[in-house]
Amino acid sequence: MKKCIITIGREFGSGGREIGLRLAETLGIPFYDKEILKRVSEKGDLHETFLEQNEERAPQMLVSSFERFMVDTYYQPTLSDTIFVEQSKVIREIADEGPCVIVGRCADYILDDRDVLRLFISAGMEYKISRKHSVAPEKDDYTDAQMEKYIKDLEKQRRKYYEHYTGRKWGDVNNYDLCIRTDKIGTEGAVKLVLAYLENLK
C-alpha cells in the first residue's frame, strides 16, 4: 500500500478528524491537526491558545486577490494573514518530513505542487447534528436547532477562510481526489474506502 501525504478538508461534524486519526494509525504515519498550532507557536511569538482561538478565520474585511494586488503598496497584513502564512510554512515543513495526514488549514492548496491525496469529507445535516451531540459534551444542552446553527456558523467560517486564501470553492469536487459522505458509509467505511483507494493507486 502506498504511503503518502493525505490532506483532509471536512464539513463540521462529518467525522473528518476521526477518519484522519484512524488513517494515520493504520498507515503508521504522523497525524497533524491542532499539532500544527503547537509547531507554529514554538517558532514564533504567537501563543498556542491564541492561535486556536483565531485560526481558520478569514479577515473581517475581505479583499479579493485582484484588489490586494492593486493596493499592495498600502495593504497591511491582518492577524489572519499572519497566521495563514506561518501555518503554511509549518505545513510545508511537515510535508518535507514525509508521509502524514493533515487536517484542514487549506493544506490541499498549500501543497498543490506535491504528490498529495486530497480528501473531502461531508455529510447530511441530520448526521452532523447527531454526531456533534455525541462527541461534543460541552454542547450538551444544545437543542437540534441550536446545534444546526452552530454547525452552519462554523462551516460558513471555514468556507470564507478557504475561499479567501485559495481562490477556490470550498467542497468543489474538482479540488479533491476523493469526496466521501459519512452519512452514507460511516467513518469506519470511509477509512476502508481510502485504504482501498491507496491499494489501487498507481
N, C-alpha and C. Protein backbone atom coordinates (compact mmCIF):
# COMPACT_ATOMS: atom_id res chain seq x y z
N MET A 1 0.85 -1.21 0.00
CA MET A 1 0.00 0.00 0.00
C MET A 1 0.88 1.25 0.00
N LYS A 2 0.54 2.18 -0.86
CA LYS A 2 1.31 3.41 -0.97
C LYS A 2 1.07 4.30 0.24
N LYS A 3 2.17 4.76 0.86
CA LYS A 3 2.06 5.73 1.95
C LYS A 3 2.35 7.10 1.35
N CYS A 4 1.47 8.04 1.61
CA CYS A 4 1.66 9.36 1.02
C CYS A 4 1.17 10.43 1.97
N ILE A 5 1.27 11.66 1.54
CA ILE A 5 0.71 12.76 2.30
C ILE A 5 -0.78 12.82 1.99
N ILE A 6 -1.60 12.82 3.03
CA ILE A 6 -3.06 12.88 2.88
C ILE A 6 -3.56 14.16 3.51
N THR A 7 -4.28 14.97 2.74
CA THR A 7 -4.91 16.16 3.30
C THR A 7 -6.41 15.94 3.38
N ILE A 8 -7.02 16.46 4.43
CA ILE A 8 -8.45 16.24 4.64
C ILE A 8 -9.17 17.57 4.85
N GLY A 9 -10.01 17.91 3.88
CA GLY A 9 -10.95 19.01 4.05
C GLY A 9 -12.23 18.39 4.59
N ARG A 10 -12.97 19.11 5.42
CA ARG A 10 -14.14 18.45 6.03
C ARG A 10 -15.20 19.44 6.44
N GLU A 11 -16.44 19.02 6.30
CA GLU A 11 -17.54 19.77 6.86
C GLU A 11 -17.55 19.53 8.36
N PHE A 12 -17.99 20.53 9.11
CA PHE A 12 -18.00 20.42 10.56
C PHE A 12 -19.00 19.35 11.00
N GLY A 13 -18.52 18.38 11.77
CA GLY A 13 -19.40 17.33 12.26
C GLY A 13 -19.45 16.10 11.38
N SER A 14 -18.68 16.09 10.30
CA SER A 14 -18.72 14.96 9.36
C SER A 14 -17.79 13.81 9.76
N GLY A 15 -16.91 14.04 10.73
CA GLY A 15 -16.00 12.98 11.18
C GLY A 15 -14.64 12.99 10.51
N GLY A 16 -14.28 14.11 9.88
CA GLY A 16 -13.00 14.19 9.18
C GLY A 16 -11.80 13.97 10.07
N ARG A 17 -11.84 14.51 11.28
CA ARG A 17 -10.69 14.35 12.19
C ARG A 17 -10.53 12.89 12.60
N GLU A 18 -11.64 12.24 12.93
CA GLU A 18 -11.59 10.82 13.33
C GLU A 18 -11.05 9.97 12.19
N ILE A 19 -11.50 10.24 10.98
CA ILE A 19 -11.03 9.49 9.82
C ILE A 19 -9.53 9.69 9.65
N GLY A 20 -9.07 10.93 9.80
CA GLY A 20 -7.65 11.22 9.68
C GLY A 20 -6.82 10.49 10.72
N LEU A 21 -7.29 10.50 11.96
CA LEU A 21 -6.58 9.80 13.03
C LEU A 21 -6.45 8.31 12.75
N ARG A 22 -7.54 7.69 12.31
CA ARG A 22 -7.55 6.25 12.06
C ARG A 22 -6.70 5.88 10.85
N LEU A 23 -6.70 6.74 9.86
CA LEU A 23 -5.84 6.50 8.70
C LEU A 23 -4.37 6.57 9.11
N ALA A 24 -4.03 7.57 9.89
CA ALA A 24 -2.64 7.73 10.33
C ALA A 24 -2.20 6.53 11.17
N GLU A 25 -3.06 6.07 12.08
CA GLU A 25 -2.73 4.91 12.91
C GLU A 25 -2.55 3.66 12.07
N THR A 26 -3.46 3.44 11.11
CA THR A 26 -3.40 2.25 10.27
C THR A 26 -2.16 2.25 9.39
N LEU A 27 -1.83 3.43 8.84
CA LEU A 27 -0.69 3.53 7.93
C LEU A 27 0.64 3.71 8.65
N GLY A 28 0.56 3.99 9.95
CA GLY A 28 1.79 4.19 10.72
C GLY A 28 2.51 5.47 10.34
N ILE A 29 1.74 6.54 10.10
CA ILE A 29 2.32 7.83 9.74
C ILE A 29 1.81 8.91 10.69
N PRO A 30 2.52 10.04 10.79
CA PRO A 30 2.11 11.10 11.72
C PRO A 30 0.77 11.73 11.33
N PHE A 31 0.09 12.23 12.36
CA PHE A 31 -1.20 12.91 12.19
C PHE A 31 -1.06 14.35 12.68
N TYR A 32 -1.57 15.29 11.88
CA TYR A 32 -1.48 16.70 12.25
C TYR A 32 -2.84 17.39 12.12
N ASP A 33 -3.25 17.97 13.22
CA ASP A 33 -4.43 18.83 13.24
C ASP A 33 -4.03 20.02 14.10
N LYS A 34 -4.40 20.01 15.35
CA LYS A 34 -4.01 21.11 16.23
C LYS A 34 -2.51 21.04 16.56
N GLU A 35 -1.87 19.90 16.23
CA GLU A 35 -0.43 19.78 16.42
C GLU A 35 0.31 20.84 15.61
N ILE A 36 -0.30 21.28 14.51
CA ILE A 36 0.30 22.32 13.68
C ILE A 36 0.41 23.62 14.47
N LEU A 37 -0.61 23.90 15.29
CA LEU A 37 -0.60 25.13 16.08
C LEU A 37 0.56 25.14 17.07
N LYS A 38 0.84 23.99 17.65
CA LYS A 38 1.94 23.88 18.60
C LYS A 38 3.26 24.21 17.91
N ARG A 39 3.45 23.70 16.69
CA ARG A 39 4.68 23.95 15.96
C ARG A 39 4.79 25.41 15.54
N VAL A 40 3.67 26.01 15.16
CA VAL A 40 3.69 27.43 14.81
C VAL A 40 4.06 28.24 16.04
N SER A 41 3.47 27.89 17.19
CA SER A 41 3.73 28.60 18.44
C SER A 41 5.19 28.51 18.84
N GLU A 42 5.78 27.33 18.66
CA GLU A 42 7.18 27.13 19.03
C GLU A 42 8.14 27.94 18.17
N LYS A 43 7.69 28.30 16.97
CA LYS A 43 8.56 29.01 16.04
C LYS A 43 8.48 30.53 16.17
N GLY A 44 7.45 31.03 16.84
CA GLY A 44 7.28 32.49 16.89
C GLY A 44 6.73 32.99 18.19
N ASP A 45 6.07 34.14 18.09
CA ASP A 45 5.57 34.83 19.29
C ASP A 45 4.08 34.60 19.55
N LEU A 46 3.44 33.75 18.73
CA LEU A 46 2.01 33.52 18.88
C LEU A 46 1.75 32.34 19.81
N HIS A 47 0.99 32.59 20.87
CA HIS A 47 0.71 31.53 21.85
C HIS A 47 -0.26 30.52 21.24
N GLU A 48 -0.09 29.25 21.61
CA GLU A 48 -0.90 28.18 21.05
C GLU A 48 -2.40 28.38 21.28
N THR A 49 -2.78 28.81 22.49
CA THR A 49 -4.19 29.04 22.80
C THR A 49 -4.74 30.17 21.95
N PHE A 50 -3.95 31.21 21.77
CA PHE A 50 -4.35 32.34 20.94
C PHE A 50 -4.56 31.89 19.50
N LEU A 51 -3.65 31.06 19.00
CA LEU A 51 -3.76 30.54 17.64
C LEU A 51 -5.04 29.72 17.47
N GLU A 52 -5.32 28.89 18.47
CA GLU A 52 -6.51 28.03 18.41
C GLU A 52 -7.79 28.86 18.34
N GLN A 53 -7.79 29.99 19.02
CA GLN A 53 -8.98 30.85 19.06
C GLN A 53 -9.15 31.68 17.78
N ASN A 54 -8.06 31.84 17.03
CA ASN A 54 -8.10 32.74 15.88
C ASN A 54 -7.78 32.12 14.53
N GLU A 55 -7.45 30.83 14.49
CA GLU A 55 -7.09 30.20 13.22
C GLU A 55 -8.34 29.91 12.37
N GLU A 56 -8.10 29.62 11.10
CA GLU A 56 -9.15 29.31 10.12
C GLU A 56 -10.27 30.35 10.14
N ARG A 57 -9.85 31.61 10.26
CA ARG A 57 -10.80 32.72 10.19
C ARG A 57 -10.34 33.69 9.10
N ALA A 58 -11.23 34.01 8.20
CA ALA A 58 -10.91 34.99 7.17
C ALA A 58 -10.89 36.38 7.80
N PRO A 59 -10.13 37.31 7.21
CA PRO A 59 -10.14 38.69 7.73
C PRO A 59 -11.55 39.25 7.75
N GLN A 60 -11.81 40.18 8.67
CA GLN A 60 -13.14 40.78 8.78
C GLN A 60 -13.53 41.50 7.49
N MET A 61 -12.55 42.21 6.91
CA MET A 61 -12.80 42.90 5.64
C MET A 61 -12.13 42.09 4.54
N LEU A 62 -12.92 41.37 3.76
CA LEU A 62 -12.38 40.52 2.72
C LEU A 62 -11.93 41.36 1.53
N VAL A 63 -10.74 41.02 1.03
CA VAL A 63 -10.18 41.70 -0.13
C VAL A 63 -9.85 40.66 -1.18
N SER A 64 -10.33 40.84 -2.39
CA SER A 64 -10.05 39.87 -3.45
C SER A 64 -8.57 39.91 -3.81
N SER A 65 -8.09 38.84 -4.45
CA SER A 65 -6.69 38.77 -4.87
C SER A 65 -6.35 39.95 -5.77
N PHE A 66 -7.26 40.30 -6.68
CA PHE A 66 -7.01 41.40 -7.61
C PHE A 66 -6.92 42.73 -6.86
N GLU A 67 -7.87 42.94 -5.95
CA GLU A 67 -7.86 44.19 -5.19
C GLU A 67 -6.61 44.30 -4.34
N ARG A 68 -6.19 43.16 -3.77
CA ARG A 68 -4.99 43.18 -2.94
C ARG A 68 -3.77 43.53 -3.78
N PHE A 69 -3.74 43.01 -5.00
CA PHE A 69 -2.63 43.31 -5.91
C PHE A 69 -2.61 44.81 -6.22
N MET A 70 -3.80 45.38 -6.47
CA MET A 70 -3.90 46.78 -6.86
C MET A 70 -3.49 47.72 -5.72
N VAL A 71 -3.74 47.30 -4.48
CA VAL A 71 -3.43 48.19 -3.36
C VAL A 71 -2.28 47.65 -2.51
N ASP A 72 -1.43 46.86 -3.14
CA ASP A 72 -0.35 46.18 -2.41
C ASP A 72 0.53 47.17 -1.64
N THR A 73 0.71 48.34 -2.17
CA THR A 73 1.58 49.33 -1.53
C THR A 73 1.04 49.74 -0.17
N TYR A 74 -0.29 49.73 -0.06
CA TYR A 74 -0.91 50.21 1.17
C TYR A 74 -1.46 49.10 2.06
N TYR A 75 -1.50 47.88 1.52
CA TYR A 75 -2.14 46.79 2.26
C TYR A 75 -1.30 46.35 3.46
N GLN A 76 -1.92 46.27 4.60
CA GLN A 76 -1.25 45.80 5.80
C GLN A 76 -1.79 44.41 6.16
N PRO A 77 -0.92 43.41 6.29
CA PRO A 77 -1.38 42.05 6.61
C PRO A 77 -2.18 42.04 7.91
N THR A 78 -3.27 41.27 7.90
CA THR A 78 -4.09 41.12 9.09
C THR A 78 -3.54 40.00 9.96
N LEU A 79 -4.12 39.85 11.14
CA LEU A 79 -3.75 38.74 12.01
C LEU A 79 -4.00 37.42 11.29
N SER A 80 -5.14 37.33 10.59
CA SER A 80 -5.47 36.10 9.84
C SER A 80 -4.40 35.80 8.80
N ASP A 81 -3.93 36.85 8.11
CA ASP A 81 -2.88 36.67 7.11
C ASP A 81 -1.61 36.11 7.74
N THR A 82 -1.24 36.67 8.87
CA THR A 82 -0.02 36.24 9.56
C THR A 82 -0.12 34.78 9.98
N ILE A 83 -1.26 34.39 10.55
CA ILE A 83 -1.46 33.01 10.97
C ILE A 83 -1.43 32.08 9.76
N PHE A 84 -2.07 32.47 8.67
CA PHE A 84 -2.08 31.64 7.46
C PHE A 84 -0.66 31.43 6.93
N VAL A 85 0.11 32.49 6.87
CA VAL A 85 1.49 32.39 6.37
C VAL A 85 2.33 31.47 7.25
N GLU A 86 2.22 31.64 8.56
CA GLU A 86 3.02 30.82 9.48
C GLU A 86 2.59 29.36 9.44
N GLN A 87 1.27 29.11 9.36
CA GLN A 87 0.79 27.73 9.25
C GLN A 87 1.24 27.11 7.94
N SER A 88 1.25 27.89 6.88
CA SER A 88 1.67 27.39 5.57
C SER A 88 3.13 26.93 5.61
N LYS A 89 3.97 27.71 6.27
CA LYS A 89 5.38 27.34 6.40
C LYS A 89 5.52 26.01 7.12
N VAL A 90 4.77 25.86 8.22
CA VAL A 90 4.85 24.63 9.02
C VAL A 90 4.31 23.44 8.22
N ILE A 91 3.21 23.64 7.49
CA ILE A 91 2.63 22.55 6.69
C ILE A 91 3.63 22.08 5.64
N ARG A 92 4.33 22.99 5.01
CA ARG A 92 5.33 22.61 4.01
C ARG A 92 6.50 21.86 4.66
N GLU A 93 6.90 22.30 5.85
CA GLU A 93 7.97 21.61 6.58
C GLU A 93 7.55 20.19 6.93
N ILE A 94 6.31 20.04 7.38
CA ILE A 94 5.77 18.73 7.72
C ILE A 94 5.77 17.82 6.49
N ALA A 95 5.35 18.37 5.36
CA ALA A 95 5.33 17.59 4.12
C ALA A 95 6.73 17.16 3.70
N ASP A 96 7.72 18.01 3.97
CA ASP A 96 9.11 17.68 3.64
C ASP A 96 9.61 16.49 4.45
N GLU A 97 8.99 16.29 5.63
CA GLU A 97 9.42 15.21 6.53
C GLU A 97 8.94 13.84 6.08
N GLY A 98 7.92 13.79 5.20
CA GLY A 98 7.46 12.50 4.69
C GLY A 98 5.97 12.30 4.80
N PRO A 99 5.49 11.08 4.53
CA PRO A 99 4.05 10.76 4.56
C PRO A 99 3.41 11.15 5.89
N CYS A 100 2.20 11.66 5.83
CA CYS A 100 1.48 12.09 7.02
C CYS A 100 0.03 12.38 6.65
N VAL A 101 -0.78 12.66 7.65
CA VAL A 101 -2.17 13.10 7.45
C VAL A 101 -2.30 14.49 8.03
N ILE A 102 -2.82 15.42 7.23
CA ILE A 102 -3.01 16.81 7.67
C ILE A 102 -4.49 17.18 7.52
N VAL A 103 -5.09 17.64 8.60
CA VAL A 103 -6.50 18.01 8.59
C VAL A 103 -6.67 19.52 8.47
N GLY A 104 -7.47 19.94 7.48
CA GLY A 104 -7.85 21.34 7.34
C GLY A 104 -6.73 22.28 6.97
N ARG A 105 -6.95 23.58 7.27
CA ARG A 105 -5.96 24.64 7.13
C ARG A 105 -5.46 24.84 5.70
N CYS A 106 -6.33 24.55 4.72
CA CYS A 106 -6.01 24.76 3.29
C CYS A 106 -4.80 23.94 2.85
N ALA A 107 -4.52 22.84 3.53
CA ALA A 107 -3.33 22.05 3.21
C ALA A 107 -3.35 21.53 1.78
N ASP A 108 -4.55 21.21 1.26
CA ASP A 108 -4.64 20.73 -0.12
C ASP A 108 -4.12 21.78 -1.10
N TYR A 109 -4.38 23.04 -0.81
CA TYR A 109 -3.94 24.15 -1.65
C TYR A 109 -2.45 24.46 -1.42
N ILE A 110 -2.07 24.52 -0.17
CA ILE A 110 -0.68 24.84 0.19
C ILE A 110 0.30 23.84 -0.40
N LEU A 111 -0.13 22.57 -0.48
CA LEU A 111 0.73 21.50 -1.02
C LEU A 111 0.35 21.15 -2.45
N ASP A 112 -0.15 22.12 -3.17
CA ASP A 112 -0.63 21.89 -4.54
C ASP A 112 0.46 21.37 -5.47
N ASP A 113 1.70 21.66 -5.15
CA ASP A 113 2.82 21.23 -6.00
C ASP A 113 3.41 19.89 -5.55
N ARG A 114 2.77 19.22 -4.60
CA ARG A 114 3.28 17.95 -4.08
C ARG A 114 2.39 16.78 -4.52
N ASP A 115 2.93 15.58 -4.38
CA ASP A 115 2.16 14.36 -4.64
C ASP A 115 1.33 14.08 -3.39
N VAL A 116 0.08 14.55 -3.41
CA VAL A 116 -0.79 14.51 -2.23
C VAL A 116 -2.12 13.86 -2.57
N LEU A 117 -2.66 13.06 -1.64
CA LEU A 117 -4.02 12.54 -1.77
C LEU A 117 -4.95 13.51 -1.05
N ARG A 118 -5.84 14.16 -1.80
CA ARG A 118 -6.70 15.19 -1.24
C ARG A 118 -8.11 14.63 -1.03
N LEU A 119 -8.55 14.61 0.23
CA LEU A 119 -9.87 14.10 0.58
C LEU A 119 -10.78 15.25 1.01
N PHE A 120 -12.08 15.08 0.75
CA PHE A 120 -13.06 16.00 1.32
C PHE A 120 -14.17 15.15 1.93
N ILE A 121 -14.43 15.39 3.22
CA ILE A 121 -15.43 14.61 3.96
C ILE A 121 -16.65 15.48 4.23
N SER A 122 -17.82 14.97 3.84
CA SER A 122 -19.07 15.70 4.06
C SER A 122 -20.14 14.76 4.62
N ALA A 123 -21.27 15.32 4.97
CA ALA A 123 -22.39 14.51 5.48
C ALA A 123 -23.65 15.36 5.49
N GLY A 124 -24.80 14.71 5.55
CA GLY A 124 -26.07 15.42 5.67
C GLY A 124 -26.18 16.06 7.05
N MET A 125 -26.99 17.11 7.15
CA MET A 125 -27.10 17.86 8.40
C MET A 125 -27.59 16.99 9.56
N GLU A 126 -28.53 16.11 9.32
CA GLU A 126 -29.06 15.26 10.40
C GLU A 126 -27.94 14.43 11.03
N TYR A 127 -27.08 13.88 10.18
CA TYR A 127 -25.95 13.07 10.67
C TYR A 127 -24.99 13.94 11.48
N LYS A 128 -24.70 15.14 10.96
CA LYS A 128 -23.75 16.02 11.64
C LYS A 128 -24.29 16.47 12.99
N ILE A 129 -25.57 16.74 13.07
CA ILE A 129 -26.18 17.13 14.34
C ILE A 129 -26.07 15.98 15.34
N SER A 130 -26.43 14.78 14.90
CA SER A 130 -26.36 13.60 15.77
C SER A 130 -24.94 13.35 16.24
N ARG A 131 -24.00 13.47 15.34
CA ARG A 131 -22.59 13.20 15.68
C ARG A 131 -22.07 14.22 16.68
N LYS A 132 -22.36 15.51 16.47
CA LYS A 132 -21.87 16.53 17.39
C LYS A 132 -22.51 16.39 18.76
N HIS A 133 -23.76 15.95 18.82
CA HIS A 133 -24.38 15.70 20.12
C HIS A 133 -23.61 14.62 20.89
N SER A 134 -23.07 13.64 20.17
CA SER A 134 -22.39 12.51 20.82
C SER A 134 -20.92 12.79 21.14
N VAL A 135 -20.29 13.70 20.39
CA VAL A 135 -18.84 13.91 20.60
C VAL A 135 -18.50 15.29 21.15
N ALA A 136 -19.50 16.12 21.40
CA ALA A 136 -19.24 17.46 21.91
C ALA A 136 -19.96 17.67 23.24
N PRO A 137 -19.43 17.10 24.34
CA PRO A 137 -20.10 17.20 25.64
C PRO A 137 -20.28 18.64 26.11
N GLU A 138 -19.43 19.56 25.63
CA GLU A 138 -19.56 20.96 26.05
C GLU A 138 -20.82 21.61 25.47
N LYS A 139 -21.45 20.93 24.49
CA LYS A 139 -22.69 21.44 23.89
C LYS A 139 -23.88 20.57 24.29
N ASP A 140 -23.77 19.95 25.44
CA ASP A 140 -24.78 19.01 25.94
C ASP A 140 -26.20 19.58 25.98
N ASP A 141 -26.30 20.87 26.27
CA ASP A 141 -27.61 21.47 26.46
C ASP A 141 -28.20 22.03 25.15
N TYR A 142 -27.51 21.84 24.04
CA TYR A 142 -28.00 22.36 22.76
C TYR A 142 -29.17 21.54 22.23
N THR A 143 -30.19 22.23 21.75
CA THR A 143 -31.26 21.54 21.03
C THR A 143 -30.75 21.24 19.62
N ASP A 144 -31.50 20.45 18.87
CA ASP A 144 -31.11 20.17 17.49
C ASP A 144 -31.01 21.46 16.67
N ALA A 145 -31.94 22.38 16.90
CA ALA A 145 -31.95 23.64 16.16
C ALA A 145 -30.71 24.48 16.49
N GLN A 146 -30.35 24.50 17.77
CA GLN A 146 -29.16 25.25 18.19
C GLN A 146 -27.90 24.61 17.62
N MET A 147 -27.85 23.27 17.62
CA MET A 147 -26.69 22.58 17.08
C MET A 147 -26.55 22.82 15.58
N GLU A 148 -27.68 22.83 14.89
CA GLU A 148 -27.64 23.09 13.44
C GLU A 148 -27.08 24.48 13.16
N LYS A 149 -27.50 25.47 13.93
CA LYS A 149 -26.99 26.83 13.75
C LYS A 149 -25.50 26.88 14.04
N TYR A 150 -25.08 26.20 15.10
CA TYR A 150 -23.67 26.13 15.48
C TYR A 150 -22.84 25.54 14.34
N ILE A 151 -23.32 24.45 13.76
CA ILE A 151 -22.63 23.79 12.66
C ILE A 151 -22.56 24.70 11.44
N LYS A 152 -23.66 25.33 11.11
CA LYS A 152 -23.71 26.21 9.93
C LYS A 152 -22.78 27.41 10.10
N ASP A 153 -22.72 27.96 11.32
CA ASP A 153 -21.84 29.10 11.59
C ASP A 153 -20.38 28.71 11.40
N LEU A 154 -19.99 27.54 11.93
CA LEU A 154 -18.61 27.08 11.79
C LEU A 154 -18.27 26.77 10.34
N GLU A 155 -19.21 26.18 9.63
CA GLU A 155 -18.96 25.87 8.22
C GLU A 155 -18.84 27.13 7.38
N LYS A 156 -19.63 28.14 7.69
CA LYS A 156 -19.54 29.42 6.98
C LYS A 156 -18.17 30.03 7.19
N GLN A 157 -17.67 29.93 8.42
CA GLN A 157 -16.35 30.45 8.76
C GLN A 157 -15.27 29.71 7.98
N ARG A 158 -15.36 28.38 7.93
CA ARG A 158 -14.38 27.58 7.19
C ARG A 158 -14.41 27.90 5.70
N ARG A 159 -15.62 28.03 5.17
CA ARG A 159 -15.77 28.31 3.75
C ARG A 159 -15.14 29.65 3.39
N LYS A 160 -15.42 30.68 4.17
CA LYS A 160 -14.88 32.01 3.90
C LYS A 160 -13.36 32.00 3.98
N TYR A 161 -12.84 31.30 4.96
CA TYR A 161 -11.38 31.21 5.14
C TYR A 161 -10.74 30.52 3.94
N TYR A 162 -11.26 29.36 3.57
CA TYR A 162 -10.70 28.58 2.47
C TYR A 162 -10.77 29.36 1.16
N GLU A 163 -11.92 29.93 0.88
CA GLU A 163 -12.11 30.62 -0.40
C GLU A 163 -11.31 31.91 -0.47
N HIS A 164 -11.12 32.58 0.68
CA HIS A 164 -10.34 33.81 0.71
C HIS A 164 -8.87 33.54 0.40
N TYR A 165 -8.31 32.49 1.02
CA TYR A 165 -6.87 32.25 0.87
C TYR A 165 -6.49 31.36 -0.32
N THR A 166 -7.45 30.65 -0.88
CA THR A 166 -7.12 29.78 -2.00
C THR A 166 -7.68 30.26 -3.34
N GLY A 167 -8.75 31.05 -3.31
CA GLY A 167 -9.40 31.45 -4.54
C GLY A 167 -10.19 30.31 -5.16
N ARG A 168 -10.37 29.22 -4.40
CA ARG A 168 -11.11 28.05 -4.85
C ARG A 168 -12.42 27.93 -4.08
N LYS A 169 -13.34 27.16 -4.65
CA LYS A 169 -14.61 26.93 -3.96
C LYS A 169 -14.46 25.77 -2.99
N TRP A 170 -14.81 26.02 -1.73
CA TRP A 170 -14.71 25.01 -0.68
C TRP A 170 -15.68 23.87 -0.98
N GLY A 171 -15.19 22.63 -0.97
CA GLY A 171 -16.04 21.48 -1.20
C GLY A 171 -16.24 21.13 -2.67
N ASP A 172 -15.65 21.90 -3.58
CA ASP A 172 -15.77 21.62 -5.01
C ASP A 172 -15.02 20.32 -5.33
N VAL A 173 -15.70 19.37 -5.95
CA VAL A 173 -15.09 18.06 -6.24
C VAL A 173 -13.84 18.17 -7.09
N ASN A 174 -13.72 19.23 -7.87
CA ASN A 174 -12.56 19.41 -8.74
C ASN A 174 -11.27 19.67 -7.97
N ASN A 175 -11.40 20.03 -6.70
CA ASN A 175 -10.23 20.33 -5.87
C ASN A 175 -9.70 19.11 -5.12
N TYR A 176 -10.39 17.96 -5.24
CA TYR A 176 -10.05 16.80 -4.43
C TYR A 176 -9.94 15.53 -5.27
N ASP A 177 -9.25 14.54 -4.72
CA ASP A 177 -9.12 13.25 -5.40
C ASP A 177 -10.27 12.32 -5.02
N LEU A 178 -10.77 12.49 -3.80
CA LEU A 178 -11.82 11.60 -3.30
C LEU A 178 -12.73 12.36 -2.35
N CYS A 179 -14.02 12.36 -2.65
CA CYS A 179 -15.02 13.00 -1.79
C CYS A 179 -15.92 11.92 -1.19
N ILE A 180 -16.09 11.97 0.13
CA ILE A 180 -16.81 10.90 0.83
C ILE A 180 -17.90 11.48 1.72
N ARG A 181 -19.07 10.87 1.67
CA ARG A 181 -20.18 11.26 2.57
C ARG A 181 -20.28 10.23 3.69
N THR A 182 -19.99 10.67 4.89
CA THR A 182 -20.00 9.74 6.02
C THR A 182 -21.41 9.35 6.47
N ASP A 183 -22.42 10.13 6.09
CA ASP A 183 -23.78 9.71 6.46
C ASP A 183 -24.21 8.51 5.61
N LYS A 184 -23.47 8.21 4.56
CA LYS A 184 -23.77 7.06 3.70
C LYS A 184 -23.00 5.81 4.12
N ILE A 185 -21.73 5.99 4.52
CA ILE A 185 -20.91 4.80 4.83
C ILE A 185 -20.26 4.84 6.21
N GLY A 186 -20.45 5.90 6.97
CA GLY A 186 -19.87 5.99 8.30
C GLY A 186 -18.37 6.27 8.25
N THR A 187 -17.80 6.59 9.40
CA THR A 187 -16.36 6.90 9.45
C THR A 187 -15.53 5.64 9.21
N GLU A 188 -15.97 4.50 9.73
CA GLU A 188 -15.24 3.25 9.51
C GLU A 188 -15.24 2.89 8.03
N GLY A 189 -16.39 3.04 7.38
CA GLY A 189 -16.47 2.77 5.95
C GLY A 189 -15.60 3.72 5.15
N ALA A 190 -15.52 4.97 5.61
CA ALA A 190 -14.69 5.96 4.93
C ALA A 190 -13.22 5.58 5.00
N VAL A 191 -12.78 5.12 6.17
CA VAL A 191 -11.39 4.69 6.33
C VAL A 191 -11.09 3.52 5.40
N LYS A 192 -11.98 2.55 5.35
CA LYS A 192 -11.79 1.39 4.48
C LYS A 192 -11.73 1.81 3.02
N LEU A 193 -12.58 2.76 2.65
CA LEU A 193 -12.61 3.24 1.28
C LEU A 193 -11.29 3.90 0.89
N VAL A 194 -10.76 4.72 1.78
CA VAL A 194 -9.49 5.40 1.49
C VAL A 194 -8.35 4.38 1.40
N LEU A 195 -8.34 3.41 2.29
CA LEU A 195 -7.30 2.37 2.25
C LEU A 195 -7.37 1.58 0.95
N ALA A 196 -8.59 1.28 0.50
CA ALA A 196 -8.77 0.56 -0.77
C ALA A 196 -8.27 1.43 -1.93
N TYR A 197 -8.54 2.71 -1.85
CA TYR A 197 -8.08 3.66 -2.88
C TYR A 197 -6.55 3.64 -2.94
N LEU A 198 -5.91 3.67 -1.77
CA LEU A 198 -4.46 3.65 -1.72
C LEU A 198 -3.87 2.34 -2.26
N GLU A 199 -4.58 1.25 -2.01
CA GLU A 199 -4.13 -0.06 -2.52
C GLU A 199 -4.09 -0.07 -4.04
N ASN A 200 -5.01 0.65 -4.66
CA ASN A 200 -5.12 0.64 -6.11
C ASN A 200 -4.50 1.86 -6.77
N LEU A 201 -3.91 2.72 -5.97
CA LEU A 201 -3.31 3.94 -6.51
C LEU A 201 -2.06 3.61 -7.29
N LYS A 202 -1.97 4.14 -8.50
CA LYS A 202 -0.81 3.87 -9.37
C LYS A 202 0.21 4.99 -9.28
